[in-house]
Amino acid sequence: MEEEVHGLAVGVADGGHRCISAATGFPNFNRLINHYRVEDAKRRLRSPEGEVSILNVALDCGFASVGPFNRAFRDETGMTPRAWRAQARD
């Protein structure tokens, strides 16, 4: 465990990006954050509690607009939020 912590500390000292990649498996911090945002969006899109707009889901999950949300969602799932919602509800 101490060796792993030391390795992460060295990674931070060398630029930090290797630390995030090594510790999380994501290539950068933005991908890490978007992964959790998309997971939250999937939960909201699956919810039967009324039809929340995709824009509102995007904004509620921390995206500033629908464009970056759609790109991040497609990168994670291979489909658009609208298509994912339709498939998840079937």
Protein backbone atom coordinates (compact mmCIF):
# COMPACT_ATOMS: atom_id res chain seq x y z
CA MET A 1 0.00 0.00 0.00
CA GLU A 2 2.79 2.45 0.88
CA GLU A 3 4.50 1.75 -2.45
CA GLU A 4 1.26 2.50 -4.30
CA VAL A 5 0.82 5.80 -2.44
CA HIS A 6 4.44 6.68 -3.13
CA GLY A 7 3.95 5.90 -6.83
CA LEU A 8 0.92 8.17 -6.95
CA ALA A 9 2.82 10.94 -5.20
CA VAL A 10 5.65 10.67 -7.71
CA GLY A 11 3.09 10.80 -10.53
CA VAL A 12 1.65 14.02 -9.13
CA ALA A 13 5.11 15.53 -8.87
CA ASP A 14 5.81 14.58 -12.49
CA GLY A 15 2.75 16.32 -13.86
CA GLY A 16 -0.29 14.75 -12.24
CA HIS A 17 -1.92 13.29 -15.33
CA ARG A 18 -0.21 9.96 -14.83
CA CYS A 19 -1.54 9.89 -11.29
CA ILE A 20 -5.13 10.16 -12.47
CA SER A 21 -4.61 7.65 -15.26
CA ALA A 22 -2.88 5.12 -13.06
CA ALA A 23 -5.21 5.46 -10.09
CA THR A 24 -8.53 5.58 -11.94
CA GLY A 25 -8.07 4.04 -15.35
CA PHE A 26 -9.29 7.21 -17.06
CA PRO A 27 -7.00 9.15 -19.40
CA ASN A 28 -7.69 12.49 -17.71
CA PHE A 29 -9.66 14.21 -14.99
CA ASN A 30 -12.38 15.40 -17.37
CA ARG A 31 -13.14 11.84 -18.49
CA LEU A 32 -13.30 10.73 -14.86
CA ILE A 33 -15.80 13.45 -13.95
CA ASN A 34 -17.85 12.87 -17.09
CA HIS A 35 -18.04 9.17 -16.32
CA TYR A 36 -19.76 9.88 -13.00
CA ARG A 37 -21.96 12.56 -14.56
CA VAL A 38 -23.09 10.15 -17.28
CA GLU A 39 -23.80 7.44 -14.69
CA ASP A 40 -26.02 9.93 -12.85
CA ALA A 41 -27.69 10.92 -16.13
CA LYS A 42 -28.41 7.27 -16.95
CA ARG A 43 -30.11 6.86 -13.58
CA ARG A 44 -32.22 9.98 -14.20
CA LEU A 45 -33.11 8.99 -17.77
CA ARG A 46 -34.21 5.54 -16.60
CA SER A 47 -36.46 6.99 -13.90
CA PRO A 48 -40.19 6.52 -14.50
CA GLU A 49 -40.97 9.71 -12.56
CA GLY A 50 -42.20 11.84 -15.45
CA GLU A 51 -40.43 12.76 -18.63
CA VAL A 52 -37.57 15.07 -17.68
CA SER A 53 -36.07 16.80 -20.69
CA ILE A 54 -32.62 15.76 -21.82
CA LEU A 55 -31.46 19.36 -21.39
CA ASN A 56 -32.61 19.38 -17.77
CA VAL A 57 -30.88 16.05 -17.12
CA ALA A 58 -27.68 17.45 -18.65
CA LEU A 59 -27.80 20.61 -16.56
CA ASP A 60 -28.71 18.73 -13.37
CA CYS A 61 -25.71 16.45 -13.89
CA GLY A 62 -23.27 19.35 -14.14
CA PHE A 63 -22.94 19.87 -17.88
CA ALA A 64 -23.10 23.50 -19.07
CA SER A 65 -25.00 22.67 -22.26
CA VAL A 66 -26.50 19.80 -24.18
CA GLY A 67 -23.69 19.53 -26.77
CA PRO A 68 -20.92 18.45 -24.38
CA PHE A 69 -23.42 16.24 -22.57
CA ASN A 70 -24.37 14.43 -25.78
CA ARG A 71 -20.70 13.91 -26.70
CA ALA A 72 -19.76 12.60 -23.24
CA PHE A 73 -22.83 10.37 -23.13
CA ARG A 74 -22.12 8.95 -26.59
CA ASP A 75 -18.47 8.35 -25.66
CA GLU A 76 -19.52 6.39 -22.57
CA THR A 77 -22.49 4.45 -23.94
CA GLY A 78 -22.16 4.42 -27.71
CA MET A 79 -25.58 6.01 -28.15
CA THR A 80 -27.36 9.31 -27.69
CA PRO A 81 -29.23 10.04 -24.44
CA ARG A 82 -32.57 9.87 -26.29
CA ALA A 83 -31.80 6.44 -27.79
CA TRP A 84 -30.45 5.19 -24.45
CA ARG A 85 -33.62 6.34 -22.66
CA ALA A 86 -35.85 4.56 -25.19
CA GLN A 87 -33.82 1.35 -24.88
CA ALA A 88 -33.70 1.50 -21.06
CA ARG A 89 -37.46 1.85 -20.80
CA ASP A 90 -38.24 -1.09 -23.11
